[in-house]
C-alpha atoms as a PDB file:
ATOM      1  CA  UNK A   1      -1.293  -1.373  -4.638  1.00  0.00           C
ATOM      2  CA  UNK A   2      -3.265   1.612  -2.965  1.00  0.00           C
ATOM      3  CA  UNK A   3      -4.387   4.984  -3.542  1.00  0.00           C
ATOM      4  CA  UNK A   4      -6.440   6.680  -1.064  1.00  0.00           C
ATOM      5  CA  UNK A   5      -8.306  10.688  -1.387  1.00  0.00           C
ATOM      6  CA  UNK A   6      -9.391  12.234   1.698  1.00  0.00           C
ATOM      7  CA  UNK A   7     -12.897   9.885   1.583  1.00  0.00           C
ATOM      8  CA  UNK A   8     -11.994   6.806  -0.697  1.00  0.00           C
ATOM      9  CA  UNK A   9      -9.577   4.360  -1.226  1.00  0.00           C
ATOM     10  CA  UNK A  10      -8.681   1.704  -3.771  1.00  0.00           C
ATOM     11  CA  UNK A  11      -7.024  -1.637  -3.302  1.00  0.00           C
ATOM     12  CA  UNK A  12      -5.769  -4.508  -5.290  1.00  0.00           C
ATOM     13  CA  UNK A  13      -6.436  -7.353  -2.749  1.00  0.00           C
ATOM     14  CA  UNK A  14      -4.867 -10.767  -2.929  1.00  0.00           C
ATOM     15  CA  UNK A  15      -6.799 -13.113  -0.435  1.00  0.00           C
ATOM     16  CA  UNK A  16      -4.122 -15.747   0.530  1.00  0.00           C
ATOM     17  CA  UNK A  17      -6.535 -17.155   2.774  1.00  0.00           C
ATOM     18  CA  UNK A  18      -9.391 -16.760   3.899  1.00  0.00           C
ATOM     19  CA  UNK A  19     -10.178 -15.169   7.385  1.00  0.00           C
ATOM     20  CA  UNK A  20      -8.579 -17.354  10.433  1.00  0.00           C
ATOM     21  CA  UNK A  21     -11.564 -16.639  12.813  1.00  0.00           C
ATOM     22  CA  UNK A  22     -15.428 -18.175  12.873  1.00  0.00           C
ATOM     23  CA  UNK A  23     -16.856 -15.271  14.556  1.00  0.00           C
ATOM     24  CA  UNK A  24     -18.017 -12.318  11.545  1.00  0.00           C
ATOM     25  CA  UNK A  25     -16.680  -9.020  11.080  1.00  0.00           C
ATOM     26  CA  UNK A  26     -17.415  -5.530  10.074  1.00  0.00           C
ATOM     27  CA  UNK A  27     -15.695  -2.851   8.156  1.00  0.00           C
ATOM     28  CA  UNK A  28     -14.760   0.128   9.034  1.00  0.00           C
ATOM     29  CA  UNK A  29     -15.582   2.402   5.990  1.00  0.00           C
ATOM     30  CA  UNK A  30     -19.367   3.584   5.376  1.00  0.00           C
ATOM     31  CA  UNK A  31     -19.480   1.983   2.840  1.00  0.00           C
ATOM     32  CA  UNK A  32     -16.794  -1.064   0.586  1.00  0.00           C
ATOM     33  CA  UNK A  33     -17.185  -2.396  -2.928  1.00  0.00           C
ATOM     34  CA  UNK A  34     -15.558  -5.723  -3.679  1.00  0.00           C
ATOM     35  CA  UNK A  35     -15.213  -6.834  -7.626  1.00  0.00           C
ATOM     36  CA  UNK A  36     -13.673 -10.245  -7.560  1.00  0.00           C
ATOM     37  CA  UNK A  37     -11.161  -9.981 -10.526  1.00  0.00           C
ATOM     38  CA  UNK A  38      -9.644 -13.607 -10.087  1.00  0.00           C
ATOM     39  CA  UNK A  39     -11.027 -17.055  -8.758  1.00  0.00           C
ATOM     40  CA  UNK A  40     -13.471 -16.674  -6.202  1.00  0.00           C
ATOM     41  CA  UNK A  41     -14.489 -16.571  -2.136  1.00  0.00           C
ATOM     42  CA  UNK A  42     -17.086 -18.185  -0.251  1.00  0.00           C
ATOM     43  CA  UNK A  43     -19.019 -15.462   1.764  1.00  0.00           C
ATOM     44  CA  UNK A  44     -20.721 -16.042   5.368  1.00  0.00           C
ATOM     45  CA  UNK A  45     -22.999 -12.845   5.561  1.00  0.00           C
ATOM     46  CA  UNK A  46     -25.421 -11.864   8.058  1.00  0.00           C
ATOM     47  CA  UNK A  47     -28.987 -10.868   6.971  1.00  0.00           C
ATOM     48  CA  UNK A  48     -29.245  -7.961   8.225  1.00  0.00           C
ATOM     49  CA  UNK A  49     -30.097  -7.334  12.124  1.00  0.00           C
ATOM     50  CA  UNK A  50     -31.184 -11.191  12.806  1.00  0.00           C
ATOM     51  CA  UNK A  51     -29.316 -14.040  13.504  1.00  0.00           C
ATOM     52  CA  UNK A  52     -28.998 -15.562  10.269  1.00  0.00           C
ATOM     53  CA  UNK A  53     -25.893 -16.412   8.135  1.00  0.00           C
ATOM     54  CA  UNK A  54     -26.491 -17.406   4.971  1.00  0.00           C
ATOM     55  CA  UNK A  55     -23.182 -18.645   2.321  1.00  0.00           C
ATOM     56  CA  UNK A  56     -22.827 -17.636  -0.800  1.00  0.00           C
ATOM     57  CA  UNK A  57     -20.203 -17.914  -3.593  1.00  0.00           C
ATOM     58  CA  UNK A  58     -19.057 -14.931  -4.980  1.00  0.00           C
ATOM     59  CA  UNK A  59     -17.305 -15.835  -8.863  1.00  0.00           C
ATOM     60  CA  UNK A  60     -14.866 -13.155 -10.475  1.00  0.00           C
ATOM     61  CA  UNK A  61     -16.997 -10.502 -12.112  1.00  0.00           C
ATOM     62  CA  UNK A  62     -19.679 -10.302  -9.310  1.00  0.00           C
ATOM     63  CA  UNK A  63     -19.891  -6.972  -7.315  1.00  0.00           C
ATOM     64  CA  UNK A  64     -19.670  -7.545  -3.305  1.00  0.00           C
ATOM     65  CA  UNK A  65     -21.556  -4.111  -1.880  1.00  0.00           C
ATOM     66  CA  UNK A  66     -20.472  -4.270   1.990  1.00  0.00           C
ATOM     67  CA  UNK A  67     -21.992  -1.372   4.043  1.00  0.00           C
ATOM     68  CA  UNK A  68     -20.995  -0.710   7.806  1.00  0.00           C
ATOM     69  CA  UNK A  69     -23.593  -2.487   9.608  1.00  0.00           C
ATOM     70  CA  UNK A  70     -22.312  -5.697   7.178  1.00  0.00           C
ATOM     71  CA  UNK A  71     -20.956  -8.938   9.021  1.00  0.00           C
ATOM     72  CA  UNK A  72     -19.355 -11.469   7.092  1.00  0.00           C
ATOM     73  CA  UNK A  73     -16.323 -13.624   6.666  1.00  0.00           C
ATOM     74  CA  UNK A  74     -14.475 -15.064   3.737  1.00  0.00           C
ATOM     75  CA  UNK A  75     -12.484 -18.701   3.339  1.00  0.00           C
ATOM     76  CA  UNK A  76     -10.522 -18.080  -0.225  1.00  0.00           C
ATOM     77  CA  UNK A  77      -7.340 -19.820  -1.873  1.00  0.00           C
ATOM     78  CA  UNK A  78      -6.401 -16.675  -4.158  1.00  0.00           C
ATOM     79  CA  UNK A  79      -8.507 -14.606  -5.396  1.00  0.00           C
ATOM     80  CA  UNK A  80      -7.889 -11.376  -6.424  1.00  0.00           C
ATOM     81  CA  UNK A  81     -10.124  -8.899  -5.987  1.00  0.00           C
ATOM     82  CA  UNK A  82     -10.174  -4.816  -6.496  1.00  0.00           C
ATOM     83  CA  UNK A  83     -11.409  -3.709  -3.207  1.00  0.00           C
ATOM     84  CA  UNK A  84     -12.957   0.598  -2.895  1.00  0.00           C
ATOM     85  CA  UNK A  85     -13.850   1.949   0.406  1.00  0.00           C
ATOM     86  CA  UNK A  86     -15.407   5.678   1.403  1.00  0.00           C
ATOM     87  CA  UNK A  87     -14.316   7.255   4.925  1.00  0.00           C
ATOM     88  CA  UNK A  88     -13.812   6.029   8.195  1.00  0.00           C
ATOM     89  CA  UNK A  89     -17.053   5.474  10.406  1.00  0.00           C
ATOM     90  CA  UNK A  90     -16.487   3.161  12.870  1.00  0.00           C
ATOM     91  CA  UNK A  91     -14.103   0.574  14.266  1.00  0.00           C
ATOM     92  CA  UNK A  92     -13.335  -2.570  13.120  1.00  0.00           C
ATOM     93  CA  UNK A  93     -16.244  -5.451  14.809  1.00  0.00           C
ATOM     94  CA  UNK A  94     -16.894  -8.584  15.268  1.00  0.00           C
ATOM     95  CA  UNK A  95     -20.321 -10.854  15.723  1.00  0.00           C
ATOM     96  CA  UNK A  96     -20.059 -14.094  17.493  1.00  0.00           C
ATOM     97  CA  UNK A  97     -22.683 -16.444  15.803  1.00  0.00           C
ATOM     98  CA  UNK A  98     -23.029 -18.844  19.287  1.00  0.00           C
ATOM     99  CA  UNK A  99     -23.146 -16.606  21.801  1.00  0.00           C
ATOM    100  CA  UNK A 100     -24.506 -13.589  19.692  1.00  0.00           C
ATOM    101  CA  UNK A 101     -22.061 -10.973  21.532  1.00  0.00           C
ATOM    102  CA  UNK A 102     -20.887  -8.026  19.539  1.00  0.00           C
ATOM    103  CA  UNK A 103     -17.196  -6.353  20.436  1.00  0.00           C
ATOM    104  CA  UNK A 104     -15.257  -3.566  18.503  1.00  0.00           C
ATOM    105  CA  UNK A 105     -11.628  -3.312  18.588  1.00  0.00           C
ATOM    106  CA  UNK A 106     -12.293  -0.701  21.673  1.00  0.00           C
ATOM    107  CA  UNK A 107     -13.235  -4.055  23.105  1.00  0.00           C
ATOM    108  CA  UNK A 108     -16.963  -2.615  23.390  1.00  0.00           C
END
């Protein structure tokens, strides 16, 4: 299920598996929020603009705020979330924690 307005959208999202890539990604939205409805997921998240990555467990009932410059990746097995987004402001971006390289969908 998805509903979109001019500047935001709401999605019910079931994770069938986690992110397959080891790279962290950001989202193309100015902001997004994930309300975990059922089960849990493990998130690896880059801390600010540092090269440090932390892991945290996001359980049912928790809220995950994801800014446009938040780089993360998710491991899960069947979690359900309600995912709210703001307006699209950029391309999907990717960051490799081993080489410290950044790129986006345009290849830059």
